[in-house]
Amino acid sequence: MYLMSNALTELLNEINDELANQISLANNMNKKIDTRKLAHISKTLNDVIRTSGLSDENKSMLQKFSLTLQDSSTVKSLRYEKQDLERVLSNLNDI
């Protein structure tokens, strides 16, 4: 049985917080989505995935999430990313 590493857990929580923050800023203050920050987080996630002890299936799931995270440029896409992250976390917690 694999337990998610602290680094991965912390990063996924940081991503969740950042998605919520960006959605809020875009909705309430008409600010643009910071795609550079999302790209940086995606790169960091990929680095953590590579060094994790996750199964190939879970690594693939996280890598797909990471790729879509890079392409998020609208509030709607960020909402989908947030939902995807919740699904990913649920799947990882079930192992």
C-alpha atoms as a PDB file:
ATOM      1  CA  MET A   1       0.000   0.000   0.000  1.00  0.00           C
ATOM      2  CA  TYR A   2       1.371   3.409  -0.992  1.00  0.00           C
ATOM      3  CA  LEU A   3       0.806   6.461   1.166  1.00  0.00           C
ATOM      4  CA  MET A   4       0.976   9.768  -0.603  1.00  0.00           C
ATOM      5  CA  SER A   5       4.179  11.596   0.265  1.00  0.00           C
ATOM      6  CA  ASN A   6       3.986  14.791   2.273  1.00  0.00           C
ATOM      7  CA  ALA A   7       5.504  16.737  -0.637  1.00  0.00           C
ATOM      8  CA  LEU A   8       2.821  15.510  -3.031  1.00  0.00           C
ATOM      9  CA  THR A   9       0.021  16.094  -0.537  1.00  0.00           C
ATOM     10  CA  GLU A  10       1.248  19.603   0.215  1.00  0.00           C
ATOM     11  CA  LEU A  11       1.624  20.418  -3.475  1.00  0.00           C
ATOM     12  CA  LEU A  12      -1.855  19.152  -4.341  1.00  0.00           C
ATOM     13  CA  ASN A  13      -3.293  21.217  -1.493  1.00  0.00           C
ATOM     14  CA  GLU A  14      -1.345  24.242  -2.762  1.00  0.00           C
ATOM     15  CA  ILE A  15      -2.757  23.664  -6.254  1.00  0.00           C
ATOM     16  CA  ASN A  16      -6.269  23.443  -4.823  1.00  0.00           C
ATOM     17  CA  ASP A  17      -5.771  26.720  -2.949  1.00  0.00           C
ATOM     18  CA  GLU A  18      -4.302  28.417  -6.025  1.00  0.00           C
ATOM     19  CA  LEU A  19      -7.184  27.296  -8.227  1.00  0.00           C
ATOM     20  CA  ALA A  20      -9.698  28.630  -5.694  1.00  0.00           C
ATOM     21  CA  ASN A  21      -7.746  31.897  -5.436  1.00  0.00           C
ATOM     22  CA  GLN A  22      -7.532  32.388  -9.195  1.00  0.00           C
ATOM     23  CA  ILE A  23     -11.223  31.602  -9.670  1.00  0.00           C
ATOM     24  CA  SER A  24     -12.118  34.099  -6.956  1.00  0.00           C
ATOM     25  CA  LEU A  25      -9.867  36.839  -8.347  1.00  0.00           C
ATOM     26  CA  ALA A  26     -11.161  36.360 -11.879  1.00  0.00           C
ATOM     27  CA  ASN A  27     -14.797  36.355 -10.762  1.00  0.00           C
ATOM     28  CA  ASN A  28     -14.694  39.124  -8.166  1.00  0.00           C
ATOM     29  CA  MET A  29     -12.013  41.475  -9.421  1.00  0.00           C
ATOM     30  CA  ASN A  30     -11.980  40.787 -13.152  1.00  0.00           C
ATOM     31  CA  LYS A  31      -8.301  39.868 -12.913  1.00  0.00           C
ATOM     32  CA  LYS A  32      -6.685  37.744 -15.570  1.00  0.00           C
ATOM     33  CA  ILE A  33      -5.727  34.193 -14.760  1.00  0.00           C
ATOM     34  CA  ASP A  34      -2.035  33.897 -13.959  1.00  0.00           C
ATOM     35  CA  THR A  35      -1.141  31.210 -16.486  1.00  0.00           C
ATOM     36  CA  ARG A  36       2.565  31.562 -15.642  1.00  0.00           C
ATOM     37  CA  LYS A  37       1.900  30.557 -12.056  1.00  0.00           C
ATOM     38  CA  LEU A  38      -0.200  27.609 -13.193  1.00  0.00           C
ATOM     39  CA  ALA A  39       2.579  26.522 -15.579  1.00  0.00           C
ATOM     40  CA  HIS A  40       5.114  26.749 -12.747  1.00  0.00           C
ATOM     41  CA  ILE A  41       2.909  24.675 -10.449  1.00  0.00           C
ATOM     42  CA  SER A  42       2.434  22.147 -13.232  1.00  0.00           C
ATOM     43  CA  LYS A  43       6.199  21.821 -13.696  1.00  0.00           C
ATOM     44  CA  THR A  44       6.679  21.378  -9.955  1.00  0.00           C
ATOM     45  CA  LEU A  45       3.959  18.716  -9.917  1.00  0.00           C
ATOM     46  CA  ASN A  46       5.686  16.851 -12.746  1.00  0.00           C
ATOM     47  CA  ASP A  47       8.965  16.918 -10.816  1.00  0.00           C
ATOM     48  CA  VAL A  48       7.273  15.473  -7.716  1.00  0.00           C
ATOM     49  CA  ILE A  49       5.458  12.832  -9.797  1.00  0.00           C
ATOM     50  CA  ARG A  50       8.743  11.618 -11.307  1.00  0.00           C
ATOM     51  CA  THR A  51      10.280  11.023  -7.892  1.00  0.00           C
ATOM     52  CA  SER A  52       7.173   9.593  -6.244  1.00  0.00           C
ATOM     53  CA  GLY A  53       6.543   5.956  -5.519  1.00  0.00           C
ATOM     54  CA  LEU A  54       3.158   6.069  -7.210  1.00  0.00           C
ATOM     55  CA  SER A  55       1.998   3.335  -9.526  1.00  0.00           C
ATOM     56  CA  ASP A  56       2.266   3.986 -13.261  1.00  0.00           C
ATOM     57  CA  GLU A  57      -1.522   4.363 -13.404  1.00  0.00           C
ATOM     58  CA  ASN A  58      -1.535   7.065 -10.720  1.00  0.00           C
ATOM     59  CA  LYS A  59       1.475   8.803 -12.237  1.00  0.00           C
ATOM     60  CA  SER A  60      -0.351   8.883 -15.569  1.00  0.00           C
ATOM     61  CA  MET A  61      -3.488  10.309 -13.939  1.00  0.00           C
ATOM     62  CA  LEU A  62      -1.461  13.081 -12.267  1.00  0.00           C
ATOM     63  CA  GLN A  63       0.501  13.827 -15.442  1.00  0.00           C
ATOM     64  CA  LYS A  64      -2.736  14.239 -17.406  1.00  0.00           C
ATOM     65  CA  PHE A  65      -4.028  16.576 -14.713  1.00  0.00           C
ATOM     66  CA  SER A  66      -0.776  18.519 -14.867  1.00  0.00           C
ATOM     67  CA  LEU A  67      -1.035  18.930 -18.647  1.00  0.00           C
ATOM     68  CA  THR A  68      -4.579  20.268 -18.481  1.00  0.00           C
ATOM     69  CA  LEU A  69      -3.546  22.597 -15.670  1.00  0.00           C
ATOM     70  CA  GLN A  70      -1.072  24.251 -18.042  1.00  0.00           C
ATOM     71  CA  ASP A  71      -3.862  24.930 -20.544  1.00  0.00           C
ATOM     72  CA  SER A  72      -6.228  26.595 -18.082  1.00  0.00           C
ATOM     73  CA  SER A  73      -6.918  30.130 -19.190  1.00  0.00           C
ATOM     74  CA  THR A  74     -10.570  30.689 -18.300  1.00  0.00           C
ATOM     75  CA  VAL A  75     -12.562  30.570 -15.086  1.00  0.00           C
ATOM     76  CA  LYS A  76     -14.602  27.740 -16.556  1.00  0.00           C
ATOM     77  CA  SER A  77     -11.477  25.669 -17.217  1.00  0.00           C
ATOM     78  CA  LEU A  78     -10.208  26.408 -13.696  1.00  0.00           C
ATOM     79  CA  ARG A  79     -13.468  25.134 -12.253  1.00  0.00           C
ATOM     80  CA  TYR A  80     -13.057  21.920 -14.239  1.00  0.00           C
ATOM     81  CA  GLU A  81      -9.472  21.658 -12.990  1.00  0.00           C
ATOM     82  CA  LYS A  82     -10.660  22.039  -9.411  1.00  0.00           C
ATOM     83  CA  GLN A  83     -13.191  19.242  -9.954  1.00  0.00           C
ATOM     84  CA  ASP A  84     -10.503  17.092 -11.577  1.00  0.00           C
ATOM     85  CA  LEU A  85      -8.195  17.714  -8.637  1.00  0.00           C
ATOM     86  CA  GLU A  86     -10.886  16.577  -6.221  1.00  0.00           C
ATOM     87  CA  ARG A  87     -11.299  13.391  -8.275  1.00  0.00           C
ATOM     88  CA  VAL A  88      -7.523  12.851  -8.361  1.00  0.00           C
ATOM     89  CA  LEU A  89      -7.252  13.312  -4.599  1.00  0.00           C
ATOM     90  CA  SER A  90     -10.112  10.909  -4.041  1.00  0.00           C
ATOM     91  CA  ASN A  91      -8.482   8.294  -6.276  1.00  0.00           C
ATOM     92  CA  LEU A  92      -5.128   8.690  -4.553  1.00  0.00           C
ATOM     93  CA  ASN A  93      -6.662   8.471  -1.091  1.00  0.00           C
ATOM     94  CA  ASP A  94      -8.415   5.220  -2.055  1.00  0.00           C
ATOM     95  CA  ILE A  95      -5.122   3.348  -2.581  1.00  0.00           C
END
